[in-house]
Each structure stands twice: as C-alpha cells, then as structure tokens.
C-alpha atoms as a PDB file:
ATOM      1  CA  MET A   1      -7.383 -15.242  35.068  1.00  0.00           C
ATOM      2  CA  ALA A   2      -9.591 -12.487  36.432  1.00  0.00           C
ATOM      3  CA  LYS A   3     -12.254 -11.485  33.857  1.00  0.00           C
ATOM      4  CA  LYS A   4     -10.954  -8.145  33.271  1.00  0.00           C
ATOM      5  CA  GLU A   5      -7.784  -9.595  31.929  1.00  0.00           C
ATOM      6  CA  LYS A   6      -9.472 -12.339  29.651  1.00  0.00           C
ATOM      7  CA  THR A   7     -11.491  -9.329  28.443  1.00  0.00           C
ATOM      8  CA  THR A   8      -8.487  -7.476  27.591  1.00  0.00           C
ATOM      9  CA  GLN A   9      -6.724 -10.392  26.219  1.00  0.00           C
ATOM     10  CA  LYS A  10      -9.671 -11.138  23.859  1.00  0.00           C
ATOM     11  CA  ALA A  11     -10.068  -7.585  22.599  1.00  0.00           C
ATOM     12  CA  GLN A  12      -6.337  -7.523  21.518  1.00  0.00           C
ATOM     13  CA  GLU A  13      -6.648 -10.650  19.957  1.00  0.00           C
ATOM     14  CA  ASN A  14      -9.610  -9.416  17.965  1.00  0.00           C
ATOM     15  CA  TRP A  15      -7.611  -6.113  17.153  1.00  0.00           C
ATOM     16  CA  SER A  16      -5.215  -8.086  15.275  1.00  0.00           C
ATOM     17  CA  HIS A  17      -7.032  -9.766  13.411  1.00  0.00           C
ATOM     18  CA  LYS A  18      -8.775  -6.694  11.934  1.00  0.00           C
ATOM     19  CA  ASN A  19      -6.011  -4.432  11.835  1.00  0.00           C
ATOM     20  CA  ASP A  20      -2.394  -4.482   9.867  1.00  0.00           C
ATOM     21  CA  PHE A  21      -0.789  -3.091  12.935  1.00  0.00           C
ATOM     22  CA  PRO A  22      -0.316  -3.913  16.526  1.00  0.00           C
ATOM     23  CA  ILE A  23      -2.419  -2.075  19.038  1.00  0.00           C
ATOM     24  CA  GLU A  24       0.693  -0.901  20.620  1.00  0.00           C
ATOM     25  CA  GLU A  25       0.994   1.600  17.818  1.00  0.00           C
ATOM     26  CA  VAL A  26      -2.336   3.065  18.682  1.00  0.00           C
ATOM     27  CA  TRP A  27      -1.418   3.500  22.392  1.00  0.00           C
ATOM     28  CA  ASN A  28       1.657   5.515  21.146  1.00  0.00           C
ATOM     29  CA  THR A  29       0.351   6.729  17.934  1.00  0.00           C
ATOM     30  CA  TYR A  30       2.626   9.843  17.694  1.00  0.00           C
ATOM     31  CA  GLN A  31       5.734   7.634  18.067  1.00  0.00           C
ATOM     32  CA  ALA A  32       4.627   5.365  15.632  1.00  0.00           C
ATOM     33  CA  LEU A  33       4.021   7.934  13.164  1.00  0.00           C
ATOM     34  CA  ALA A  34       7.130   9.670  13.878  1.00  0.00           C
ATOM     35  CA  GLU A  35       9.110   6.501  13.124  1.00  0.00           C
ATOM     36  CA  LEU A  36       7.553   6.126   9.739  1.00  0.00           C
ATOM     37  CA  ILE A  37       7.947   9.988   8.952  1.00  0.00           C
ATOM     38  CA  ALA A  38      11.701  10.583  10.111  1.00  0.00           C
ATOM     39  CA  PRO A  39      13.415   8.334   7.508  1.00  0.00           C
ATOM     40  CA  ARG A  40      11.256   9.467   4.446  1.00  0.00           C
ATOM     41  CA  LEU A  41      12.041  13.145   5.452  1.00  0.00           C
ATOM     42  CA  ARG A  42      15.430  12.200   5.462  1.00  0.00           C
ATOM     43  CA  THR A  43      15.378  10.440   2.477  1.00  0.00           C
ATOM     44  CA  PHE A  44      13.255  13.137   0.631  1.00  0.00           C
ATOM     45  CA  LYS A  45      16.088  15.990   1.899  1.00  0.00           C
ATOM     46  CA  ALA A  46      18.900  13.762   0.547  1.00  0.00           C
ATOM     47  CA  HIS A  47      17.486  13.178  -2.916  1.00  0.00           C
ATOM     48  CA  ASP A  48      17.949  15.874  -5.961  1.00  0.00           C
ATOM     49  CA  LYS A  49      14.762  17.609  -5.888  1.00  0.00           C
ATOM     50  CA  HIS A  50      13.235  19.396  -9.294  1.00  0.00           C
ATOM     51  CA  GLY A  51      11.737  22.275  -7.162  1.00  0.00           C
ATOM     52  CA  PHE A  52      11.447  23.926  -3.685  1.00  0.00           C
ATOM     53  CA  CYS A  53       8.473  25.169  -1.707  1.00  0.00           C
ATOM     54  CA  PRO A  54       7.802  28.650  -3.124  1.00  0.00           C
ATOM     55  CA  ASP A  55       7.839  30.252   0.430  1.00  0.00           C
ATOM     56  CA  PHE A  56      11.644  29.621   0.482  1.00  0.00           C
ATOM     57  CA  LYS A  57      14.551  31.750  -1.369  1.00  0.00           C
ATOM     58  CA  GLY A  58      15.815  28.181  -2.611  1.00  0.00           C
ATOM     59  CA  MET A  59      16.750  25.033  -2.213  1.00  0.00           C
ATOM     60  CA  ILE A  60      19.258  25.553   0.553  1.00  0.00           C
ATOM     61  CA  GLU A  61      16.581  27.324   2.626  1.00  0.00           C
ATOM     62  CA  TRP A  62      13.890  24.617   1.924  1.00  0.00           C
ATOM     63  CA  ASN A  63      16.610  21.642   3.188  1.00  0.00           C
ATOM     64  CA  GLN A  64      17.017  23.609   6.215  1.00  0.00           C
ATOM     65  CA  ALA A  65      13.170  23.719   6.970  1.00  0.00           C
ATOM     66  CA  ILE A  66      13.247  19.916   6.107  1.00  0.00           C
ATOM     67  CA  GLN A  67      16.045  19.453   8.343  1.00  0.00           C
ATOM     68  CA  LYS A  68      14.044  21.024  11.421  1.00  0.00           C
ATOM     69  CA  MET A  69      11.103  18.788  10.592  1.00  0.00           C
ATOM     70  CA  ILE A  70      13.637  15.812  10.978  1.00  0.00           C
ATOM     71  CA  ASP A  71      15.174  16.850  13.857  1.00  0.00           C
ATOM     72  CA  ALA A  72      11.774  17.405  15.520  1.00  0.00           C
ATOM     73  CA  PHE A  73      10.478  13.795  14.539  1.00  0.00           C
ATOM     74  CA  GLU A  74      14.000  12.429  15.562  1.00  0.00           C
ATOM     75  CA  LEU A  75      13.479  13.712  19.111  1.00  0.00           C
ATOM     76  CA  LEU A  76      10.138  12.289  19.272  1.00  0.00           C
ATOM     77  CA  ILE A  77      11.551   8.731  18.523  1.00  0.00           C
ATOM     78  CA  ASP A  78      14.521   8.946  20.854  1.00  0.00           C
ATOM     79  CA  GLU A  79      14.081   6.214  23.131  1.00  0.00           C
ATOM     80  CA  ASP A  80      16.651   7.807  25.701  1.00  0.00           C
ATOM     81  CA  LYS A  81      14.497  10.709  26.044  1.00  0.00           C
ATOM     82  CA  LEU A  82      11.532   8.760  27.253  1.00  0.00           C
ATOM     83  CA  GLY A  83       9.271  11.561  26.501  1.00  0.00           C
ATOM     84  CA  ILE A  84      11.275  14.217  28.516  1.00  0.00           C
ATOM     85  CA  PHE A  85      12.826  17.216  26.926  1.00  0.00           C
ATOM     86  CA  THR A  86      14.802  20.244  27.603  1.00  0.00           C
ATOM     87  CA  LYS A  87      13.200  23.313  26.930  1.00  0.00           C
ATOM     88  CA  ASP A  88      15.402  24.037  23.790  1.00  0.00           C
ATOM     89  CA  GLU A  89      14.280  20.538  22.499  1.00  0.00           C
ATOM     90  CA  GLU A  90      10.449  20.952  23.236  1.00  0.00           C
ATOM     91  CA  GLU A  91      10.871  24.326  21.188  1.00  0.00           C
ATOM     92  CA  ALA A  92      12.730  22.282  18.392  1.00  0.00           C
ATOM     93  CA  ILE A  93       9.880  19.778  18.258  1.00  0.00           C
ATOM     94  CA  GLU A  94       7.307  22.711  18.167  1.00  0.00           C
ATOM     95  CA  HIS A  95       8.872  24.349  15.394  1.00  0.00           C
ATOM     96  CA  GLY A  96       9.430  21.517  13.228  1.00  0.00           C
ATOM     97  CA  LEU A  97       6.098  20.055  13.495  1.00  0.00           C
ATOM     98  CA  GLU A  98       4.773  23.685  12.828  1.00  0.00           C
ATOM     99  CA  LEU A  99       6.957  23.383   9.566  1.00  0.00           C
ATOM    100  CA  PHE A 100       5.585  20.027   8.820  1.00  0.00           C
ATOM    101  CA  SER A 101       2.168  20.637   9.080  1.00  0.00           C
ATOM    102  CA  LYS A 102       2.591  24.059   7.080  1.00  0.00           C
ATOM    103  CA  TYR A 103       4.577  22.400   4.316  1.00  0.00           C
ATOM    104  CA  PHE A 104       3.034  18.742   4.483  1.00  0.00           C
ATOM    105  CA  ARG A 105       1.642  19.401   0.812  1.00  0.00           C
ATOM    106  CA  TYR A 106       5.136  20.558  -0.848  1.00  0.00           C
ATOM    107  CA  LEU A 107       6.797  17.275   0.504  1.00  0.00           C
ATOM    108  CA  TRP A 108       6.901  15.760  -3.134  1.00  0.00           C
ATOM    109  CA  ASP A 109       8.924  15.884  -6.255  1.00  0.00           C
END
C-alpha cells in the first residue's frame, strides 16, 4: 500500500473514532442534510399546526410554501439526477431553498 493511501486510511479511521457520522457525509454535506430535512418537512406539513407564518394569508398558503421547500430538498436527494438538473428544476431548488432560509425559524408548532 502506498504511503498516501495509508495516510488517507488512517485519517478516515481517526475520523470515525471522533465523530458520530461517516466522513462521506462531510464530502457530500448538502445531500446528507437534505436527507434529514426532507422527511421532517413532509411530516411538519402533514401535521395539524396551531399557527402559520405571519407572512402568509393562511394555512393553505403556508403549506404551499412548505411544499416548495420539500420539492427542493427532494430534488437534491434524487439519486437518479446525479446532481444534474433542468433549468426548471434549478429554479425550483433555488426558490425552495430561499423559502427554507427565510422561514426556517417558523418551522415549529
């Protein structure tokens, strides 16, 4: 085994002893996070909520915004896409992520 390979292997072994997640999740952080966020947003949307973000006119509009967030994260974790998106998909991702960022602190009940 080459010296570089041994160093890389040792670094990965040290990583696993110090962290609760695999190094592969660091290499692809956005997908690892998207895989955590998407199912939580789906569940959040499905549950009866006691209120909605004041920027929206009602629960229907709030749920539509949440769905756009869900759509963005689901596109990001779609393994068939391999990170290659159409122009419409790129726009949906950008819009959903903007909504997620803007309304992140309203994702509670």
